[in-house]
Amino acid sequence: MLAIKTLTEKLPVYRHSAMSMGTRFEISVVGENPVWAQQRIDNAIKEINRVEKLLSAFGDDSSINQINRNAGVEPVKVSGELFRLVERAIELSALTYGAFDITYTAGNKAVSYKDVVLDVNKLTVYLQKEGMRISFASHSKGYAADRAKYILQMDGVSSGVINAGGDLLAWGLQPDEQPWIVAAADPEQKSMPYARLNISNMALATSVNTNACIADNKLPGAIHSNGGFEVSAVHSASVLSPTAELADALAAPILSLGVNNALYLINKLNQIGCVIIDDSGRSFTSKGISAAI
């Protein structure tokens, strides 16, 4: 549970929420008046809905569907935007040693991000093995939040917060010129926040381990492990990043990496921080998070 903490009771912050991607997006903007704010929020929601359509695997006109249907057959030409999304996902898979992976299969065939072939000159995506699929379910809402923020900023919104199903993206300052602060807490202990974080111009995503064991079979857009080992060392992980796409994508893999490996990974990355809670309730922070607490 992540709750925004403001320093004054009455702020010219206008809020509106909408459902998209199966989750609730709440957009808060510091604006001149309600009409001005609502017009800009409406434009942001339109952008979120556009991203939902872009990353949907349903419909004959879906690029994701076309990529999946042509697995093991031929490369599929996609838009530059989708190509860059796939490219970043593959880079993140390599960075996390496959803990994050957008590939999956409905059968028993082993697949991974290494089976995705990209042609930057032709803007094509090719899944080498028949029956394999890709999905952006794990971090699509993060990318949608980033795009919504971009639209809002282009519309002149200099400060705001986007809550994408619990993941937060903030920019600018509160009306009293104080940073946006969140109290991060375990969903099972909402009254006991383990950190107060400055999220101005940052994104924060949290993932909670609800499974005792991750099976060999891959789930679309889920964290992946080898051998079905237990991941009980990490109970929850919160990732602070300049983009919601990256924060959203990194939060879940940390659960499978374990505390030490996760901290080692995060400490190698610039402008990325994390707070990890283990099964004993102990908290661990990366080097990059200390300045934000």
Protein backbone atom coordinates (compact mmCIF):
# COMPACT_ATOMS: atom_id res chain seq x y z
CA MET A 1 0.00 0.00 0.00
CA LEU A 2 1.44 3.35 -1.04
CA ALA A 3 -0.17 6.51 0.31
CA ILE A 4 0.74 10.01 -0.81
CA LYS A 5 1.53 12.30 2.11
CA THR A 6 1.05 16.04 1.54
CA LEU A 7 2.15 18.72 3.96
CA THR A 8 -0.97 20.88 3.81
CA GLU A 9 -4.66 20.10 3.88
CA LYS A 10 -5.86 22.32 1.05
CA LEU A 11 -3.89 22.11 -2.20
CA PRO A 12 -4.96 22.99 -5.73
CA VAL A 13 -4.51 19.37 -6.77
CA TYR A 14 -7.21 18.01 -9.08
CA ARG A 15 -7.76 14.26 -9.34
CA HIS A 16 -9.59 11.97 -11.71
CA SER A 17 -9.44 8.20 -12.17
CA ALA A 18 -10.25 5.77 -14.97
CA MET A 19 -10.00 2.04 -15.56
CA SER A 20 -7.60 0.77 -18.21
CA MET A 21 -5.45 -2.35 -18.64
CA GLY A 22 -7.52 -3.99 -15.92
CA THR A 23 -6.29 -1.52 -13.32
CA ARG A 24 -7.25 1.87 -11.92
CA PHE A 25 -5.26 4.90 -13.02
CA GLU A 26 -5.62 7.95 -10.79
CA ILE A 27 -4.15 11.14 -12.21
CA SER A 28 -3.52 14.13 -9.94
CA VAL A 29 -2.35 17.46 -11.33
CA VAL A 30 -1.50 20.80 -9.82
CA GLY A 31 -3.53 23.11 -12.01
CA GLU A 32 -5.01 26.54 -12.50
CA ASN A 33 -8.65 25.45 -12.27
CA PRO A 34 -10.79 22.30 -12.51
CA VAL A 35 -11.66 22.74 -16.20
CA TRP A 36 -8.04 23.29 -17.20
CA ALA A 37 -6.96 20.26 -15.17
CA GLN A 38 -9.74 17.97 -16.43
CA GLN A 39 -8.96 18.70 -20.08
CA ARG A 40 -5.36 17.68 -19.56
CA ILE A 41 -6.25 14.61 -17.53
CA ASP A 42 -8.64 13.53 -20.29
CA ASN A 43 -5.81 13.76 -22.83
CA ALA A 44 -3.60 11.65 -20.57
CA ILE A 45 -6.31 9.00 -20.23
CA LYS A 46 -6.65 8.87 -24.02
CA GLU A 47 -2.93 8.15 -24.20
CA ILE A 48 -3.22 5.37 -21.62
CA ASN A 49 -5.99 3.78 -23.69
CA ARG A 50 -3.83 4.07 -26.81
CA VAL A 51 -0.99 2.23 -25.08
CA GLU A 52 -3.42 -0.44 -23.93
CA LYS A 53 -4.40 -1.07 -27.55
CA LEU A 54 -0.77 -1.01 -28.69
CA LEU A 55 0.27 -3.69 -26.20
CA SER A 56 -2.87 -5.82 -26.41
CA ALA A 57 -2.45 -9.36 -27.74
CA PHE A 58 -6.05 -9.50 -28.94
CA GLY A 59 -7.51 -8.53 -32.29
CA ASP A 60 -6.36 -9.13 -35.85
CA ASP A 61 -4.82 -5.66 -36.00
CA SER A 62 -2.77 -6.23 -32.85
CA SER A 63 0.96 -6.18 -33.56
CA ILE A 64 1.61 -8.37 -30.51
CA ASN A 65 -0.90 -10.89 -31.85
CA GLN A 66 0.77 -10.84 -35.27
CA ILE A 67 4.20 -11.39 -33.71
CA ASN A 68 2.88 -14.32 -31.69
CA ARG A 69 1.00 -15.90 -34.60
CA ASN A 70 4.13 -15.80 -36.76
CA ALA A 71 6.40 -17.41 -34.16
CA GLY A 72 8.68 -19.85 -35.95
CA VAL A 73 7.35 -18.63 -39.31
CA GLU A 74 8.61 -15.17 -40.23
CA PRO A 75 9.58 -11.77 -38.81
CA VAL A 76 6.87 -9.17 -38.31
CA LYS A 77 7.35 -5.48 -39.06
CA VAL A 78 6.22 -3.26 -36.18
CA SER A 79 6.10 0.42 -35.32
CA GLY A 80 9.20 2.13 -34.02
CA GLU A 81 7.54 2.55 -30.63
CA LEU A 82 6.78 -1.14 -30.22
CA PHE A 83 10.20 -2.14 -31.54
CA ARG A 84 11.90 0.02 -28.90
CA LEU A 85 9.70 -1.48 -26.20
CA VAL A 86 10.70 -5.01 -27.20
CA GLU A 87 14.33 -3.94 -27.48
CA ARG A 88 14.34 -2.48 -23.96
CA ALA A 89 12.63 -5.59 -22.60
CA ILE A 90 15.32 -7.82 -24.12
CA GLU A 91 18.05 -5.62 -22.64
CA LEU A 92 16.41 -5.83 -19.23
CA SER A 93 16.16 -9.62 -19.53
CA ALA A 94 19.89 -9.83 -20.15
CA LEU A 95 20.56 -7.44 -17.27
CA THR A 96 18.55 -9.61 -14.85
CA TYR A 97 19.94 -12.88 -16.21
CA GLY A 98 16.49 -13.85 -17.44
CA ALA A 99 14.64 -13.16 -14.19
CA PHE A 100 12.61 -10.68 -16.22
CA ASP A 101 11.40 -12.12 -19.51
CA ILE A 102 8.48 -11.16 -21.76
CA THR A 103 8.53 -14.54 -23.54
CA TYR A 104 6.43 -17.54 -22.60
CA THR A 105 4.83 -20.61 -24.16
CA ALA A 106 1.61 -22.51 -23.64
CA GLY A 107 3.42 -25.81 -24.18
CA ASN A 108 6.44 -27.54 -22.66
CA LYS A 109 8.99 -26.05 -25.05
CA ALA A 110 11.68 -24.00 -23.31
CA VAL A 111 11.80 -20.43 -24.56
CA SER A 112 13.54 -17.26 -23.45
CA TYR A 113 14.39 -13.73 -24.50
CA LYS A 114 17.37 -15.19 -26.37
CA ASP A 115 14.90 -16.63 -28.90
CA VAL A 116 13.74 -13.15 -29.94
CA VAL A 117 15.46 -11.77 -33.05
CA LEU A 118 15.31 -8.03 -33.71
CA ASP A 119 16.25 -6.25 -36.93
CA VAL A 120 16.75 -2.57 -36.17
CA ASN A 121 17.03 -1.64 -39.86
CA LYS A 122 13.78 -3.33 -40.88
CA LEU A 123 12.02 -2.80 -37.52
CA THR A 124 11.04 -6.46 -37.37
CA VAL A 125 10.49 -8.82 -34.44
CA TYR A 126 10.86 -12.57 -34.90
CA LEU A 127 10.15 -15.30 -32.37
CA GLN A 128 12.34 -18.20 -33.45
CA LYS A 129 10.39 -21.06 -31.88
CA GLU A 130 6.92 -22.09 -32.92
CA GLY A 131 4.39 -21.70 -30.13
CA MET A 132 6.33 -19.06 -28.19
CA ARG A 133 4.69 -15.78 -27.27
CA ILE A 134 5.53 -12.37 -25.85
CA SER A 135 3.51 -10.32 -23.39
CA PHE A 136 3.91 -6.91 -21.80
CA ALA A 137 1.47 -7.67 -18.99
CA SER A 138 4.17 -7.31 -16.35
CA HIS A 139 5.03 -3.67 -17.05
CA SER A 140 2.56 -2.23 -19.55
CA LYS A 141 0.94 -0.01 -16.92
CA GLY A 142 4.34 1.48 -16.12
CA TYR A 143 4.92 2.42 -19.74
CA ALA A 144 1.38 3.79 -19.97
CA ALA A 145 2.05 5.97 -16.93
CA ASP A 146 5.25 7.29 -18.51
CA ARG A 147 3.37 8.19 -21.69
CA ALA A 148 0.57 9.85 -19.72
CA LYS A 149 3.14 11.93 -17.85
CA TYR A 150 4.70 12.98 -21.16
CA ILE A 151 1.33 14.12 -22.53
CA LEU A 152 0.58 16.05 -19.35
CA GLN A 153 3.94 17.79 -19.43
CA MET A 154 3.46 18.69 -23.10
CA ASP A 155 0.09 20.16 -22.09
CA GLY A 156 1.76 22.42 -19.55
CA VAL A 157 1.28 20.40 -16.36
CA SER A 158 4.45 21.09 -14.40
CA SER A 159 3.57 18.99 -11.35
CA GLY A 160 1.50 15.90 -10.73
CA VAL A 161 1.23 12.28 -9.66
CA ILE A 162 -0.01 9.21 -11.54
CA ASN A 163 -1.11 6.21 -9.49
CA ALA A 164 -1.23 3.16 -11.76
CA GLY A 165 -2.74 0.42 -9.64
CA GLY A 166 -0.44 1.26 -6.72
CA ASP A 167 2.64 2.11 -8.74
CA LEU A 168 3.44 5.82 -8.55
CA LEU A 169 4.98 8.32 -10.93
CA ALA A 170 5.51 11.91 -9.81
CA TRP A 171 7.07 15.05 -11.20
CA GLY A 172 7.53 18.61 -10.07
CA LEU A 173 6.71 19.71 -6.54
CA GLN A 174 3.67 20.14 -4.36
CA PRO A 175 2.06 23.61 -4.41
CA ASP A 176 3.99 24.49 -1.23
CA GLU A 177 7.21 23.65 -3.14
CA GLN A 178 7.83 20.55 -1.06
CA PRO A 179 8.63 17.24 -2.79
CA TRP A 180 6.04 14.53 -3.27
CA ILE A 181 6.49 12.03 -0.43
CA VAL A 182 5.06 8.52 -0.15
CA ALA A 183 4.87 6.19 2.82
CA ALA A 184 5.72 2.70 1.57
CA ALA A 185 4.21 -0.12 3.62
CA ASP A 186 3.73 -3.87 3.42
CA PRO A 187 0.14 -4.58 2.26
CA GLU A 188 -0.20 -6.87 5.27
CA GLN A 189 0.95 -4.14 7.69
CA LYS A 190 -0.51 -0.96 6.24
CA SER A 191 -0.23 0.96 9.51
CA MET A 192 3.52 0.38 9.74
CA PRO A 193 5.31 2.05 6.80
CA TYR A 194 8.91 0.92 6.40
CA ALA A 195 10.07 4.00 4.51
CA ARG A 196 9.15 7.55 3.57
CA LEU A 197 10.41 8.21 0.08
CA ASN A 198 10.86 11.34 -1.99
CA ILE A 199 9.41 10.42 -5.38
CA SER A 200 9.49 13.81 -7.10
CA ASN A 201 10.60 13.22 -10.71
CA MET A 202 10.76 9.49 -10.00
CA ALA A 203 8.59 6.38 -10.19
CA LEU A 204 7.99 3.80 -7.47
CA ALA A 205 6.72 0.27 -8.08
CA THR A 206 6.16 -2.44 -5.47
CA SER A 207 5.85 -6.19 -5.92
CA VAL A 208 4.86 -8.70 -3.23
CA ASN A 209 5.73 -12.40 -3.15
CA THR A 210 2.41 -14.23 -2.89
CA ASN A 211 3.73 -17.63 -3.98
CA ALA A 212 5.88 -20.02 -2.01
CA CYS A 213 7.37 -21.45 -5.17
CA ILE A 214 7.67 -20.50 -8.82
CA ALA A 215 7.07 -23.46 -11.12
CA ASP A 216 9.08 -24.34 -14.21
CA ASN A 217 6.22 -23.39 -16.54
CA LYS A 218 6.37 -19.75 -17.50
CA LEU A 219 3.49 -17.38 -17.03
CA PRO A 220 3.10 -14.53 -19.51
CA GLY A 221 5.02 -11.50 -18.36
CA ALA A 222 5.91 -13.07 -15.02
CA ILE A 223 9.17 -13.52 -13.16
CA HIS A 224 11.01 -16.61 -14.24
CA SER A 225 13.21 -19.06 -12.39
CA ASN A 226 14.99 -22.27 -13.21
CA GLY A 227 14.00 -25.44 -11.40
CA GLY A 228 11.01 -24.21 -9.42
CA PHE A 229 13.10 -23.07 -6.44
CA GLU A 230 11.57 -21.29 -3.47
CA VAL A 231 11.77 -17.52 -3.40
CA SER A 232 10.87 -17.04 0.23
CA ALA A 233 13.88 -14.81 0.98
CA VAL A 234 12.15 -11.71 -0.40
CA HIS A 235 8.65 -10.83 0.76
CA SER A 236 8.28 -7.50 -1.03
CA ALA A 237 10.35 -5.17 -3.14
CA SER A 238 9.89 -1.49 -3.98
CA VAL A 239 11.92 -0.02 -6.83
CA LEU A 240 12.58 3.69 -7.33
CA SER A 241 13.45 4.66 -10.90
CA PRO A 242 13.31 7.66 -13.26
CA THR A 243 10.68 5.82 -15.35
CA ALA A 244 7.65 3.80 -14.34
CA GLU A 245 8.36 1.31 -17.13
CA LEU A 246 11.69 0.35 -15.58
CA ALA A 247 10.44 0.41 -11.98
CA ASP A 248 7.47 -1.78 -12.90
CA ALA A 249 9.66 -4.22 -14.82
CA LEU A 250 12.33 -4.55 -12.10
CA ALA A 251 10.09 -4.95 -9.05
CA ALA A 252 8.89 -8.49 -9.76
CA PRO A 253 12.26 -10.04 -10.79
CA ILE A 254 13.77 -8.92 -7.48
CA LEU A 255 11.49 -11.44 -5.76
CA SER A 256 13.21 -14.30 -7.56
CA LEU A 257 16.75 -12.96 -7.30
CA GLY A 258 16.90 -12.93 -3.51
CA VAL A 259 18.11 -10.12 -1.27
CA ASN A 260 21.86 -10.23 -1.97
CA ASN A 261 21.61 -10.72 -5.73
CA ALA A 262 18.92 -8.07 -6.02
CA LEU A 263 20.96 -5.49 -4.11
CA TYR A 264 24.05 -6.34 -6.16
CA LEU A 265 22.07 -5.76 -9.36
CA ILE A 266 20.38 -2.54 -8.28
CA ASN A 267 23.62 -1.07 -6.91
CA LYS A 268 25.16 -1.39 -10.38
CA LEU A 269 22.45 0.75 -11.98
CA ASN A 270 22.46 4.53 -12.15
CA GLN A 271 19.53 6.43 -10.61
CA ILE A 272 17.87 3.19 -9.45
CA GLY A 273 17.15 2.28 -5.85
CA CYS A 274 15.18 -0.35 -3.99
CA VAL A 275 13.79 -1.25 -0.58
CA ILE A 276 13.48 -4.98 0.12
CA ILE A 277 11.59 -6.65 2.95
CA ASP A 278 12.46 -10.27 3.69
CA ASP A 279 10.22 -12.95 5.22
CA SER A 280 11.43 -12.00 8.69
CA GLY A 281 10.32 -8.40 8.26
CA ARG A 282 13.84 -7.02 7.96
CA SER A 283 14.36 -4.14 5.53
CA PHE A 284 17.30 -3.73 3.16
CA THR A 285 18.05 -0.67 1.05
CA SER A 286 20.27 -0.19 -1.96
CA LYS A 287 22.89 2.53 -2.09
CA GLY A 288 20.75 4.67 -4.34
CA ILE A 289 17.76 4.75 -2.03
CA SER A 290 19.41 6.32 1.01
CA ALA A 291 19.17 9.85 -0.36
CA ALA A 292 15.45 9.41 -0.97
CA ILE A 293 14.47 8.14 2.50
